[in-house]
Amino acid sequence: MLKKLSNLPFQGTKEQEEQLKAIIDANKHDKSRVMAVMQEAQGIYGYLPYEVQNMIAEGMDVPLEKVYGVATFYAQFALAPKGENHVSVCLGTACYVKGSGEIYDKLQEVLGIGGDECTPDRKFSLSACRCIGACGLAPVMTVNEEVYGRLTAKDVEGIIARYR
């Protein structure tokens, strides 16, 4: 059995399931379409939880491990839901040596979640990235598309408060 990667319960709707089943039915004759089905499924659900991966595997008649393997190999796929506000901290070398690890720790404390998790109200999700190309502003974090640079852990609460 594959490990569930989300801290939140799956909340798919009947309409989403019907959409996915229609996509699977239209593609199940061609196993080479698994990745395309996964892309469409992510468009429907916003991510690929275990339950959706299982529906794809069963519907396309491929091993669940194959679906999971594709989902974990390609960065375009998310295995956990993203919050309304997605917070990402750069842990690349320039940012890390200037304290981004402390910022990441402070965000986990303030949001009450770990990395790659989503708050229960789905307002925030948190992840780490390796470099966003803003090394001159190190350490850097983003909230959605907004970049915040030259941060300290003391800045975290104020930034998060803007999005609450």
N, C-alpha and C. Protein backbone atom coordinates (compact mmCIF):
# COMPACT_ATOMS: atom_id res chain seq x y z
N MET A 1 0.84 -1.18 0.00
CA MET A 1 0.00 0.00 0.00
C MET A 1 0.88 1.24 0.00
N LEU A 2 0.49 2.23 -0.80
CA LEU A 2 1.24 3.47 -0.88
C LEU A 2 0.83 4.40 0.26
N LYS A 3 1.79 5.17 0.74
CA LYS A 3 1.56 6.08 1.85
C LYS A 3 0.74 7.28 1.39
N LYS A 4 -0.26 7.66 2.17
CA LYS A 4 -1.02 8.87 1.90
C LYS A 4 -0.13 10.05 2.27
N LEU A 5 -0.04 11.03 1.39
CA LEU A 5 0.89 12.13 1.62
C LEU A 5 0.23 13.40 2.13
N SER A 6 -1.06 13.40 2.32
CA SER A 6 -1.73 14.60 2.78
C SER A 6 -2.15 14.45 4.24
N ASN A 7 -2.07 15.56 4.96
CA ASN A 7 -2.55 15.58 6.33
C ASN A 7 -4.06 15.81 6.40
N LEU A 8 -4.69 16.07 5.26
CA LEU A 8 -6.12 16.36 5.21
C LEU A 8 -6.88 15.21 4.57
N PRO A 9 -8.12 14.99 4.99
CA PRO A 9 -8.91 13.93 4.35
C PRO A 9 -9.29 14.31 2.92
N PHE A 10 -9.42 13.32 2.08
CA PHE A 10 -9.83 13.52 0.70
C PHE A 10 -11.27 14.03 0.68
N GLN A 11 -11.54 15.07 -0.12
CA GLN A 11 -12.87 15.66 -0.16
C GLN A 11 -13.40 15.78 -1.58
N GLY A 12 -13.21 14.75 -2.38
CA GLY A 12 -13.71 14.78 -3.74
C GLY A 12 -15.24 14.73 -3.79
N THR A 13 -15.79 15.36 -4.80
CA THR A 13 -17.25 15.38 -4.97
C THR A 13 -17.68 14.34 -6.00
N LYS A 14 -18.95 14.05 -6.02
CA LYS A 14 -19.51 13.11 -7.00
C LYS A 14 -19.30 13.66 -8.42
N GLU A 15 -19.45 14.96 -8.58
CA GLU A 15 -19.26 15.59 -9.90
C GLU A 15 -17.81 15.42 -10.38
N GLN A 16 -16.86 15.61 -9.47
CA GLN A 16 -15.45 15.42 -9.84
C GLN A 16 -15.20 13.97 -10.23
N GLU A 17 -15.76 13.05 -9.47
CA GLU A 17 -15.58 11.63 -9.78
C GLU A 17 -16.17 11.29 -11.15
N GLU A 18 -17.33 11.83 -11.45
CA GLU A 18 -17.95 11.58 -12.76
C GLU A 18 -17.10 12.15 -13.89
N GLN A 19 -16.52 13.35 -13.68
CA GLN A 19 -15.63 13.93 -14.68
C GLN A 19 -14.43 13.02 -14.93
N LEU A 20 -13.83 12.56 -13.83
CA LEU A 20 -12.66 11.70 -13.96
C LEU A 20 -13.01 10.39 -14.64
N LYS A 21 -14.12 9.79 -14.28
CA LYS A 21 -14.52 8.54 -14.91
C LYS A 21 -14.73 8.71 -16.41
N ALA A 22 -15.29 9.85 -16.82
CA ALA A 22 -15.48 10.11 -18.26
C ALA A 22 -14.13 10.21 -18.97
N ILE A 23 -13.17 10.86 -18.34
CA ILE A 23 -11.83 10.99 -18.93
C ILE A 23 -11.17 9.62 -19.03
N ILE A 24 -11.28 8.84 -17.96
CA ILE A 24 -10.70 7.50 -17.97
C ILE A 24 -11.35 6.65 -19.06
N ASP A 25 -12.67 6.69 -19.14
CA ASP A 25 -13.39 5.90 -20.16
C ASP A 25 -12.95 6.27 -21.57
N ALA A 26 -12.69 7.54 -21.80
CA ALA A 26 -12.27 8.00 -23.13
C ALA A 26 -10.84 7.59 -23.46
N ASN A 27 -10.05 7.22 -22.45
CA ASN A 27 -8.63 6.93 -22.66
C ASN A 27 -8.20 5.53 -22.28
N LYS A 28 -9.08 4.73 -21.70
CA LYS A 28 -8.66 3.45 -21.14
C LYS A 28 -8.18 2.44 -22.18
N HIS A 29 -8.49 2.68 -23.43
CA HIS A 29 -8.05 1.78 -24.50
C HIS A 29 -6.55 1.92 -24.81
N ASP A 30 -5.92 3.01 -24.31
CA ASP A 30 -4.52 3.30 -24.63
C ASP A 30 -3.74 3.60 -23.35
N LYS A 31 -3.02 2.61 -22.86
CA LYS A 31 -2.29 2.77 -21.59
C LYS A 31 -1.21 3.86 -21.66
N SER A 32 -0.80 4.24 -22.85
CA SER A 32 0.19 5.32 -22.98
C SER A 32 -0.42 6.67 -22.60
N ARG A 33 -1.71 6.73 -22.38
CA ARG A 33 -2.41 7.96 -22.03
C ARG A 33 -2.51 8.17 -20.51
N VAL A 34 -1.87 7.32 -19.73
CA VAL A 34 -1.96 7.43 -18.27
C VAL A 34 -1.54 8.81 -17.79
N MET A 35 -0.43 9.32 -18.29
CA MET A 35 0.06 10.62 -17.83
C MET A 35 -0.93 11.73 -18.22
N ALA A 36 -1.49 11.65 -19.40
CA ALA A 36 -2.48 12.65 -19.83
C ALA A 36 -3.71 12.61 -18.93
N VAL A 37 -4.14 11.41 -18.56
CA VAL A 37 -5.29 11.26 -17.64
C VAL A 37 -4.93 11.85 -16.28
N MET A 38 -3.72 11.62 -15.83
CA MET A 38 -3.28 12.17 -14.55
C MET A 38 -3.28 13.70 -14.58
N GLN A 39 -2.85 14.27 -15.70
CA GLN A 39 -2.85 15.73 -15.82
C GLN A 39 -4.28 16.27 -15.75
N GLU A 40 -5.18 15.61 -16.43
CA GLU A 40 -6.58 16.05 -16.40
C GLU A 40 -7.17 15.86 -15.00
N ALA A 41 -6.82 14.78 -14.34
CA ALA A 41 -7.31 14.53 -12.98
C ALA A 41 -6.81 15.63 -12.03
N GLN A 42 -5.56 16.02 -12.18
CA GLN A 42 -5.04 17.09 -11.33
C GLN A 42 -5.77 18.40 -11.62
N GLY A 43 -6.15 18.62 -12.87
CA GLY A 43 -6.94 19.80 -13.21
C GLY A 43 -8.30 19.79 -12.51
N ILE A 44 -8.87 18.63 -12.34
CA ILE A 44 -10.17 18.49 -11.68
C ILE A 44 -10.06 18.66 -10.17
N TYR A 45 -9.09 17.98 -9.57
CA TYR A 45 -8.98 17.94 -8.11
C TYR A 45 -7.99 18.94 -7.53
N GLY A 46 -7.07 19.44 -8.36
CA GLY A 46 -6.03 20.35 -7.87
C GLY A 46 -4.79 19.65 -7.39
N TYR A 47 -4.87 18.33 -7.22
CA TYR A 47 -3.74 17.50 -6.81
C TYR A 47 -4.14 16.05 -7.06
N LEU A 48 -3.22 15.11 -6.80
CA LEU A 48 -3.48 13.70 -7.05
C LEU A 48 -3.41 12.89 -5.76
N PRO A 49 -4.48 12.93 -4.98
CA PRO A 49 -4.48 12.14 -3.76
C PRO A 49 -4.50 10.65 -4.08
N TYR A 50 -4.20 9.85 -3.06
CA TYR A 50 -4.19 8.39 -3.21
C TYR A 50 -5.47 7.89 -3.88
N GLU A 51 -6.61 8.39 -3.44
CA GLU A 51 -7.89 7.91 -3.96
C GLU A 51 -8.02 8.14 -5.46
N VAL A 52 -7.53 9.27 -5.94
CA VAL A 52 -7.59 9.58 -7.37
C VAL A 52 -6.59 8.71 -8.14
N GLN A 53 -5.40 8.54 -7.58
CA GLN A 53 -4.42 7.66 -8.22
C GLN A 53 -4.98 6.25 -8.36
N ASN A 54 -5.67 5.79 -7.35
CA ASN A 54 -6.26 4.46 -7.36
C ASN A 54 -7.35 4.35 -8.43
N MET A 55 -8.20 5.39 -8.55
CA MET A 55 -9.24 5.39 -9.59
C MET A 55 -8.61 5.31 -10.98
N ILE A 56 -7.53 6.06 -11.17
CA ILE A 56 -6.85 6.06 -12.47
C ILE A 56 -6.25 4.68 -12.74
N ALA A 57 -5.57 4.12 -11.76
CA ALA A 57 -4.94 2.79 -11.93
C ALA A 57 -5.99 1.74 -12.27
N GLU A 58 -7.05 1.70 -11.51
CA GLU A 58 -8.10 0.70 -11.77
C GLU A 58 -8.77 0.93 -13.12
N GLY A 59 -9.10 2.18 -13.41
CA GLY A 59 -9.80 2.50 -14.65
C GLY A 59 -8.96 2.28 -15.90
N MET A 60 -7.66 2.53 -15.79
CA MET A 60 -6.76 2.37 -16.93
C MET A 60 -6.14 0.97 -16.97
N ASP A 61 -6.44 0.17 -15.96
CA ASP A 61 -5.92 -1.19 -15.84
C ASP A 61 -4.38 -1.21 -15.87
N VAL A 62 -3.81 -0.35 -15.01
CA VAL A 62 -2.36 -0.32 -14.82
C VAL A 62 -2.09 -0.43 -13.32
N PRO A 63 -0.92 -0.89 -12.93
CA PRO A 63 -0.62 -0.99 -11.50
C PRO A 63 -0.61 0.39 -10.83
N LEU A 64 -1.11 0.44 -9.63
CA LEU A 64 -1.11 1.68 -8.86
C LEU A 64 0.32 2.22 -8.73
N GLU A 65 1.28 1.33 -8.61
CA GLU A 65 2.68 1.75 -8.49
C GLU A 65 3.15 2.53 -9.71
N LYS A 66 2.62 2.20 -10.88
CA LYS A 66 2.99 2.95 -12.09
C LYS A 66 2.46 4.38 -12.00
N VAL A 67 1.21 4.53 -11.59
CA VAL A 67 0.62 5.87 -11.46
C VAL A 67 1.40 6.67 -10.42
N TYR A 68 1.67 6.04 -9.29
CA TYR A 68 2.42 6.70 -8.23
C TYR A 68 3.82 7.06 -8.70
N GLY A 69 4.44 6.18 -9.43
CA GLY A 69 5.79 6.45 -9.95
C GLY A 69 5.82 7.66 -10.85
N VAL A 70 4.84 7.78 -11.73
CA VAL A 70 4.76 8.95 -12.61
C VAL A 70 4.50 10.21 -11.77
N ALA A 71 3.58 10.10 -10.82
CA ALA A 71 3.22 11.25 -10.00
C ALA A 71 4.39 11.76 -9.16
N THR A 72 5.24 10.88 -8.72
CA THR A 72 6.37 11.30 -7.89
C THR A 72 7.61 11.66 -8.72
N PHE A 73 7.68 11.22 -9.96
CA PHE A 73 8.82 11.52 -10.80
C PHE A 73 8.73 12.93 -11.38
N TYR A 74 7.56 13.33 -11.82
CA TYR A 74 7.38 14.62 -12.49
C TYR A 74 6.95 15.69 -11.50
N ALA A 75 7.69 16.80 -11.49
CA ALA A 75 7.42 17.89 -10.55
C ALA A 75 6.07 18.56 -10.79
N GLN A 76 5.48 18.37 -11.96
CA GLN A 76 4.20 19.01 -12.26
C GLN A 76 3.05 18.45 -11.42
N PHE A 77 3.25 17.27 -10.85
CA PHE A 77 2.17 16.65 -10.07
C PHE A 77 2.33 16.94 -8.59
N ALA A 78 1.19 17.23 -7.94
CA ALA A 78 1.16 17.47 -6.50
C ALA A 78 0.40 16.33 -5.84
N LEU A 79 0.95 15.79 -4.78
CA LEU A 79 0.30 14.69 -4.06
C LEU A 79 -0.45 15.17 -2.82
N ALA A 80 -0.34 16.43 -2.53
CA ALA A 80 -1.05 17.02 -1.38
C ALA A 80 -1.73 18.29 -1.87
N PRO A 81 -2.86 18.65 -1.25
CA PRO A 81 -3.56 19.85 -1.69
C PRO A 81 -2.76 21.11 -1.40
N LYS A 82 -2.97 22.11 -2.21
CA LYS A 82 -2.36 23.42 -1.98
C LYS A 82 -3.41 24.29 -1.32
N GLY A 83 -2.96 25.12 -0.40
CA GLY A 83 -3.87 26.04 0.27
C GLY A 83 -4.21 27.22 -0.63
N GLU A 84 -5.18 27.98 -0.20
CA GLU A 84 -5.54 29.21 -0.90
C GLU A 84 -4.31 30.10 -1.05
N ASN A 85 -3.46 30.08 -0.03
CA ASN A 85 -2.19 30.81 -0.05
C ASN A 85 -1.07 29.80 0.09
N HIS A 86 -0.29 29.67 -0.98
CA HIS A 86 0.80 28.70 -0.93
C HIS A 86 2.09 29.43 -0.57
N VAL A 87 2.70 29.00 0.53
CA VAL A 87 3.93 29.59 1.03
C VAL A 87 5.08 28.65 0.69
N SER A 88 6.12 29.21 0.08
CA SER A 88 7.28 28.41 -0.29
C SER A 88 8.54 29.14 0.18
N VAL A 89 9.43 28.40 0.80
CA VAL A 89 10.68 28.97 1.30
C VAL A 89 11.83 28.39 0.50
N CYS A 90 12.69 29.26 0.02
CA CYS A 90 13.87 28.80 -0.71
C CYS A 90 14.89 28.26 0.28
N LEU A 91 15.28 27.01 0.06
CA LEU A 91 16.33 26.40 0.88
C LEU A 91 17.59 26.15 0.05
N GLY A 92 17.71 26.89 -1.06
CA GLY A 92 18.93 26.83 -1.86
C GLY A 92 20.10 27.36 -1.06
N THR A 93 21.29 27.16 -1.56
CA THR A 93 22.50 27.48 -0.80
C THR A 93 22.54 28.92 -0.31
N ALA A 94 22.35 29.89 -1.19
CA ALA A 94 22.45 31.31 -0.78
C ALA A 94 21.44 31.64 0.32
N CYS A 95 20.21 31.17 0.14
CA CYS A 95 19.17 31.44 1.14
C CYS A 95 19.44 30.68 2.44
N TYR A 96 19.86 29.45 2.31
CA TYR A 96 20.06 28.63 3.50
C TYR A 96 21.16 29.19 4.40
N VAL A 97 22.26 29.60 3.80
CA VAL A 97 23.35 30.13 4.63
C VAL A 97 22.98 31.46 5.26
N LYS A 98 21.95 32.10 4.75
CA LYS A 98 21.50 33.37 5.34
C LYS A 98 20.28 33.20 6.24
N GLY A 99 19.90 31.94 6.56
CA GLY A 99 18.89 31.72 7.57
C GLY A 99 17.52 31.25 7.12
N SER A 100 17.39 30.77 5.90
CA SER A 100 16.05 30.34 5.45
C SER A 100 15.54 29.12 6.22
N GLY A 101 16.45 28.31 6.76
CA GLY A 101 16.01 27.17 7.56
C GLY A 101 15.23 27.63 8.80
N GLU A 102 15.69 28.71 9.42
CA GLU A 102 14.99 29.27 10.58
C GLU A 102 13.63 29.83 10.17
N ILE A 103 13.56 30.43 9.01
CA ILE A 103 12.30 30.97 8.50
C ILE A 103 11.32 29.84 8.25
N TYR A 104 11.81 28.76 7.66
CA TYR A 104 10.97 27.59 7.40
C TYR A 104 10.44 26.99 8.70
N ASP A 105 11.30 26.88 9.69
CA ASP A 105 10.89 26.38 11.01
C ASP A 105 9.83 27.29 11.63
N LYS A 106 10.03 28.60 11.53
CA LYS A 106 9.08 29.56 12.10
C LYS A 106 7.73 29.47 11.39
N LEU A 107 7.74 29.29 10.09
CA LEU A 107 6.48 29.14 9.35
C LEU A 107 5.72 27.89 9.80
N GLN A 108 6.43 26.80 10.01
CA GLN A 108 5.78 25.58 10.50
C GLN A 108 5.12 25.85 11.85
N GLU A 109 5.81 26.58 12.70
CA GLU A 109 5.27 26.91 14.03
C GLU A 109 4.04 27.82 13.90
N VAL A 110 4.14 28.88 13.11
CA VAL A 110 3.05 29.86 12.98
C VAL A 110 1.83 29.24 12.30
N LEU A 111 2.06 28.43 11.27
CA LEU A 111 0.94 27.83 10.54
C LEU A 111 0.43 26.56 11.19
N GLY A 112 1.23 25.94 12.04
CA GLY A 112 0.82 24.72 12.71
C GLY A 112 0.81 23.50 11.80
N ILE A 113 1.63 23.54 10.76
CA ILE A 113 1.73 22.42 9.82
C ILE A 113 3.19 22.15 9.51
N GLY A 114 3.44 20.98 8.96
CA GLY A 114 4.78 20.64 8.50
C GLY A 114 4.94 20.99 7.04
N GLY A 115 6.11 20.70 6.52
CA GLY A 115 6.36 20.91 5.10
C GLY A 115 5.47 20.03 4.25
N ASP A 116 5.04 20.54 3.12
CA ASP A 116 4.16 19.84 2.17
C ASP A 116 2.82 19.47 2.80
N GLU A 117 2.38 20.29 3.75
CA GLU A 117 1.07 20.09 4.35
C GLU A 117 0.21 21.33 4.12
N CYS A 118 -1.05 21.18 4.43
CA CYS A 118 -2.03 22.24 4.25
C CYS A 118 -2.77 22.42 5.57
N THR A 119 -3.07 23.66 5.93
CA THR A 119 -3.82 23.90 7.16
C THR A 119 -5.22 23.29 7.03
N PRO A 120 -5.82 22.88 8.14
CA PRO A 120 -7.15 22.25 8.08
C PRO A 120 -8.21 23.10 7.38
N ASP A 121 -8.09 24.43 7.47
CA ASP A 121 -9.05 25.29 6.79
C ASP A 121 -8.69 25.53 5.32
N ARG A 122 -7.60 24.90 4.87
CA ARG A 122 -7.09 24.99 3.50
C ARG A 122 -6.72 26.42 3.10
N LYS A 123 -6.45 27.23 4.08
CA LYS A 123 -6.06 28.62 3.83
C LYS A 123 -4.58 28.73 3.44
N PHE A 124 -3.72 27.87 4.04
CA PHE A 124 -2.29 27.93 3.78
C PHE A 124 -1.73 26.53 3.52
N SER A 125 -0.75 26.48 2.63
CA SER A 125 0.07 25.28 2.47
C SER A 125 1.52 25.75 2.49
N LEU A 126 2.41 24.83 2.81
CA LEU A 126 3.82 25.17 2.98
C LEU A 126 4.69 24.17 2.26
N SER A 127 5.68 24.69 1.55
CA SER A 127 6.66 23.80 0.93
C SER A 127 8.02 24.50 0.91
N ALA A 128 9.03 23.73 0.57
CA ALA A 128 10.37 24.26 0.39
C ALA A 128 10.73 24.10 -1.08
N CYS A 129 11.55 25.01 -1.57
CA CYS A 129 12.05 24.89 -2.94
C CYS A 129 13.56 25.07 -2.90
N ARG A 130 14.22 24.82 -3.99
CA ARG A 130 15.68 24.87 -4.00
C ARG A 130 16.25 26.20 -4.49
N CYS A 131 15.63 26.91 -5.38
CA CYS A 131 16.13 28.21 -5.81
C CYS A 131 15.07 28.88 -6.67
N ILE A 132 14.80 30.14 -6.37
CA ILE A 132 13.85 30.87 -7.22
C ILE A 132 14.56 31.93 -8.03
N GLY A 133 15.88 31.97 -7.94
CA GLY A 133 16.66 32.91 -8.74
C GLY A 133 16.70 34.32 -8.18
N ALA A 134 16.47 34.45 -6.88
CA ALA A 134 16.52 35.76 -6.24
C ALA A 134 17.60 35.75 -5.15
N CYS A 135 18.74 35.20 -5.47
CA CYS A 135 19.81 35.01 -4.49
C CYS A 135 20.27 36.33 -3.87
N GLY A 136 20.18 37.41 -4.61
CA GLY A 136 20.58 38.72 -4.09
C GLY A 136 19.66 39.21 -2.99
N LEU A 137 18.47 38.62 -2.87
CA LEU A 137 17.51 38.99 -1.83
C LEU A 137 17.49 37.98 -0.68
N ALA A 138 18.41 37.05 -0.68
CA ALA A 138 18.40 35.95 0.28
C ALA A 138 18.36 36.45 1.71
N PRO A 139 17.64 35.72 2.57
CA PRO A 139 16.77 34.57 2.29
C PRO A 139 15.39 35.02 1.78
N VAL A 140 14.80 34.15 0.96
CA VAL A 140 13.58 34.49 0.23
C VAL A 140 12.48 33.47 0.50
N MET A 141 11.25 33.98 0.54
CA MET A 141 10.08 33.11 0.54
C MET A 141 9.05 33.74 -0.38
N THR A 142 8.11 32.92 -0.84
CA THR A 142 7.01 33.44 -1.65
C THR A 142 5.70 33.06 -0.98
N VAL A 143 4.71 33.90 -1.18
CA VAL A 143 3.33 33.59 -0.85
C VAL A 143 2.59 33.80 -2.15
N ASN A 144 2.09 32.71 -2.70
CA ASN A 144 1.51 32.71 -4.04
C ASN A 144 2.58 33.24 -5.00
N GLU A 145 2.37 34.34 -5.65
CA GLU A 145 3.37 34.86 -6.59
C GLU A 145 4.17 36.03 -6.00
N GLU A 146 3.88 36.41 -4.77
CA GLU A 146 4.55 37.53 -4.12
C GLU A 146 5.87 37.06 -3.50
N VAL A 147 6.96 37.77 -3.80
CA VAL A 147 8.29 37.42 -3.29
C VAL A 147 8.64 38.33 -2.11
N TYR A 148 9.11 37.71 -1.05
CA TYR A 148 9.57 38.44 0.13
C TYR A 148 11.04 38.10 0.34
N GLY A 149 11.88 39.12 0.42
CA GLY A 149 13.31 38.87 0.54
C GLY A 149 13.94 39.57 1.73
N ARG A 150 15.20 39.22 1.97
CA ARG A 150 16.00 39.73 3.09
C ARG A 150 15.24 39.56 4.40
N LEU A 151 14.75 38.34 4.60
CA LEU A 151 13.90 38.02 5.74
C LEU A 151 14.66 37.55 6.96
N THR A 152 14.00 37.68 8.08
CA THR A 152 14.42 37.02 9.31
C THR A 152 13.20 36.27 9.83
N ALA A 153 13.40 35.39 10.77
CA ALA A 153 12.28 34.65 11.34
C ALA A 153 11.26 35.60 11.99
N LYS A 154 11.72 36.76 12.43
CA LYS A 154 10.82 37.75 13.06
C LYS A 154 9.81 38.32 12.06
N ASP A 155 10.10 38.25 10.77
CA ASP A 155 9.21 38.80 9.74
C ASP A 155 8.02 37.90 9.43
N VAL A 156 8.12 36.64 9.78
CA VAL A 156 7.15 35.63 9.35
C VAL A 156 5.73 35.93 9.80
N GLU A 157 5.53 36.20 11.08
CA GLU A 157 4.17 36.40 11.59
C GLU A 157 3.48 37.58 10.90
N GLY A 158 4.19 38.66 10.66
CA GLY A 158 3.61 39.82 10.00
C GLY A 158 3.20 39.53 8.57
N ILE A 159 4.04 38.77 7.86
CA ILE A 159 3.71 38.42 6.48
C ILE A 159 2.49 37.52 6.43
N ILE A 160 2.45 36.52 7.27
CA ILE A 160 1.31 35.59 7.28
C ILE A 160 0.02 36.31 7.67
N ALA A 161 0.12 37.27 8.59
CA ALA A 161 -1.06 38.02 9.04
C ALA A 161 -1.73 38.75 7.87
N ARG A 162 -0.98 39.16 6.86
CA ARG A 162 -1.54 39.85 5.69
C ARG A 162 -2.51 38.96 4.91
N TYR A 163 -2.35 37.65 5.05
CA TYR A 163 -3.14 36.71 4.26
C TYR A 163 -4.24 36.02 5.08
N ARG A 164 -4.32 36.30 6.35
CA ARG A 164 -5.32 35.62 7.21
C ARG A 164 -6.70 36.17 6.97
